[in-house]
């Protein structure tokens, strides 16, 4: 199933995925460990990290809790940040 979003949203989701992966690695967690911690499949987490799925606020909050960071840390800083990634 292909995610149908406009280019700007796709860039933002990709940047969010990069940020998610960076924070996960900084926490020393594998995809499987984070997925298990928050009750998500490893495949869905991988899809989030690759920007292939439109994240819900509930999922954003679960990820932040699992990584022990504020939810704002998962969000790209601005449009420039998301365009670079």
C-alpha atoms as a PDB file:
ATOM      1  CA  UNK A   1       0.000   0.000   0.000  1.00  0.00           C
ATOM      2  CA  UNK A   2       1.473   3.336  -1.067  1.00  0.00           C
ATOM      3  CA  UNK A   3       1.083   6.382   1.137  1.00  0.00           C
ATOM      4  CA  UNK A   4      -0.822   9.096  -0.763  1.00  0.00           C
ATOM      5  CA  UNK A   5       0.289  12.527   0.473  1.00  0.00           C
ATOM      6  CA  UNK A   6       1.523  15.710  -1.138  1.00  0.00           C
ATOM      7  CA  UNK A   7       5.269  16.271  -1.572  1.00  0.00           C
ATOM      8  CA  UNK A   8       5.593  18.625   1.366  1.00  0.00           C
ATOM      9  CA  UNK A   9       3.939  16.133   3.706  1.00  0.00           C
ATOM     10  CA  UNK A  10       6.049  13.297   2.298  1.00  0.00           C
ATOM     11  CA  UNK A  11       9.237  15.296   2.997  1.00  0.00           C
ATOM     12  CA  UNK A  12       8.042  16.025   6.517  1.00  0.00           C
ATOM     13  CA  UNK A  13       7.236  12.364   7.213  1.00  0.00           C
ATOM     14  CA  UNK A  14      10.645  11.348   5.853  1.00  0.00           C
ATOM     15  CA  UNK A  15      12.358  13.886   8.137  1.00  0.00           C
ATOM     16  CA  UNK A  16      10.321  12.661  11.091  1.00  0.00           C
ATOM     17  CA  UNK A  17      11.434   9.114  10.291  1.00  0.00           C
ATOM     18  CA  UNK A  18      15.078  10.178  10.202  1.00  0.00           C
ATOM     19  CA  UNK A  19      14.643  11.921  13.556  1.00  0.00           C
ATOM     20  CA  UNK A  20      12.954   8.817  14.991  1.00  0.00           C
ATOM     21  CA  UNK A  21      15.810   6.581  13.866  1.00  0.00           C
ATOM     22  CA  UNK A  22      18.437   8.986  15.246  1.00  0.00           C
ATOM     23  CA  UNK A  23      16.744   9.106  18.650  1.00  0.00           C
ATOM     24  CA  UNK A  24      16.280   5.331  18.714  1.00  0.00           C
ATOM     25  CA  UNK A  25      19.955   4.772  17.993  1.00  0.00           C
ATOM     26  CA  UNK A  26      20.984   7.390  20.570  1.00  0.00           C
ATOM     27  CA  UNK A  27      18.906   5.467  23.100  1.00  0.00           C
ATOM     28  CA  UNK A  28      20.796   2.307  22.141  1.00  0.00           C
ATOM     29  CA  UNK A  29      17.642   0.532  21.051  1.00  0.00           C
ATOM     30  CA  UNK A  30      17.035  -1.800  18.141  1.00  0.00           C
ATOM     31  CA  UNK A  31      13.870  -1.486  16.110  1.00  0.00           C
ATOM     32  CA  UNK A  32      12.608  -4.655  17.769  1.00  0.00           C
ATOM     33  CA  UNK A  33      13.323  -3.354  21.287  1.00  0.00           C
ATOM     34  CA  UNK A  34      11.475  -0.079  20.686  1.00  0.00           C
ATOM     35  CA  UNK A  35       8.619  -1.853  18.929  1.00  0.00           C
ATOM     36  CA  UNK A  36       8.246  -4.254  21.869  1.00  0.00           C
ATOM     37  CA  UNK A  37       8.405  -1.373  24.361  1.00  0.00           C
ATOM     38  CA  UNK A  38       5.542   0.515  22.735  1.00  0.00           C
ATOM     39  CA  UNK A  39       3.467  -2.441  21.531  1.00  0.00           C
ATOM     40  CA  UNK A  40       4.038  -2.016  17.818  1.00  0.00           C
ATOM     41  CA  UNK A  41       5.292  -4.441  15.195  1.00  0.00           C
ATOM     42  CA  UNK A  42       8.876  -4.037  14.019  1.00  0.00           C
ATOM     43  CA  UNK A  43       7.574  -3.757  10.441  1.00  0.00           C
ATOM     44  CA  UNK A  44       5.358  -0.784  11.305  1.00  0.00           C
ATOM     45  CA  UNK A  45       8.228   0.915  13.124  1.00  0.00           C
ATOM     46  CA  UNK A  46      10.456   0.415  10.068  1.00  0.00           C
ATOM     47  CA  UNK A  47       7.734   1.931   7.867  1.00  0.00           C
ATOM     48  CA  UNK A  48       7.605   4.975  10.181  1.00  0.00           C
ATOM     49  CA  UNK A  49      11.387   5.364  10.058  1.00  0.00           C
ATOM     50  CA  UNK A  50      11.251   5.317   6.262  1.00  0.00           C
ATOM     51  CA  UNK A  51       8.440   7.882   6.102  1.00  0.00           C
ATOM     52  CA  UNK A  52       6.051   5.430   4.496  1.00  0.00           C
ATOM     53  CA  UNK A  53       3.198   5.862   6.924  1.00  0.00           C
ATOM     54  CA  UNK A  54       1.306   8.885   8.195  1.00  0.00           C
ATOM     55  CA  UNK A  55       1.863   8.897  11.953  1.00  0.00           C
ATOM     56  CA  UNK A  56      -0.966   9.546  14.403  1.00  0.00           C
ATOM     57  CA  UNK A  57      -0.579  11.738  17.457  1.00  0.00           C
ATOM     58  CA  UNK A  58      -1.230   8.702  19.655  1.00  0.00           C
ATOM     59  CA  UNK A  59       1.657   6.852  17.984  1.00  0.00           C
ATOM     60  CA  UNK A  60       3.899   9.914  18.270  1.00  0.00           C
ATOM     61  CA  UNK A  61       3.202  10.008  22.016  1.00  0.00           C
ATOM     62  CA  UNK A  62       3.891   6.260  22.402  1.00  0.00           C
ATOM     63  CA  UNK A  63       7.190   6.620  20.546  1.00  0.00           C
ATOM     64  CA  UNK A  64       8.229   9.589  22.663  1.00  0.00           C
ATOM     65  CA  UNK A  65       7.413   7.701  25.852  1.00  0.00           C
ATOM     66  CA  UNK A  66       9.301   4.622  24.660  1.00  0.00           C
ATOM     67  CA  UNK A  67      12.341   6.752  23.821  1.00  0.00           C
ATOM     68  CA  UNK A  68      11.959   8.776  27.034  1.00  0.00           C
ATOM     69  CA  UNK A  69      11.889  12.097  25.173  1.00  0.00           C
ATOM     70  CA  UNK A  70       9.320  14.825  24.714  1.00  0.00           C
ATOM     71  CA  UNK A  71       7.160  14.384  21.614  1.00  0.00           C
ATOM     72  CA  UNK A  72       8.542  17.625  20.174  1.00  0.00           C
ATOM     73  CA  UNK A  73      11.946  15.924  19.823  1.00  0.00           C
ATOM     74  CA  UNK A  74      10.515  13.657  17.123  1.00  0.00           C
ATOM     75  CA  UNK A  75       9.272  16.521  14.977  1.00  0.00           C
ATOM     76  CA  UNK A  76      11.455  18.192  12.350  1.00  0.00           C
ATOM     77  CA  UNK A  77      12.348  21.753  13.364  1.00  0.00           C
ATOM     78  CA  UNK A  78      10.805  23.438  10.329  1.00  0.00           C
ATOM     79  CA  UNK A  79      10.187  23.100   6.613  1.00  0.00           C
ATOM     80  CA  UNK A  80      13.905  23.653   5.927  1.00  0.00           C
ATOM     81  CA  UNK A  81      14.798  20.687   8.124  1.00  0.00           C
ATOM     82  CA  UNK A  82      12.319  18.424   6.364  1.00  0.00           C
ATOM     83  CA  UNK A  83      13.444  19.578   2.920  1.00  0.00           C
ATOM     84  CA  UNK A  84      17.068  18.702   3.679  1.00  0.00           C
ATOM     85  CA  UNK A  85      16.327  15.088   4.489  1.00  0.00           C
END
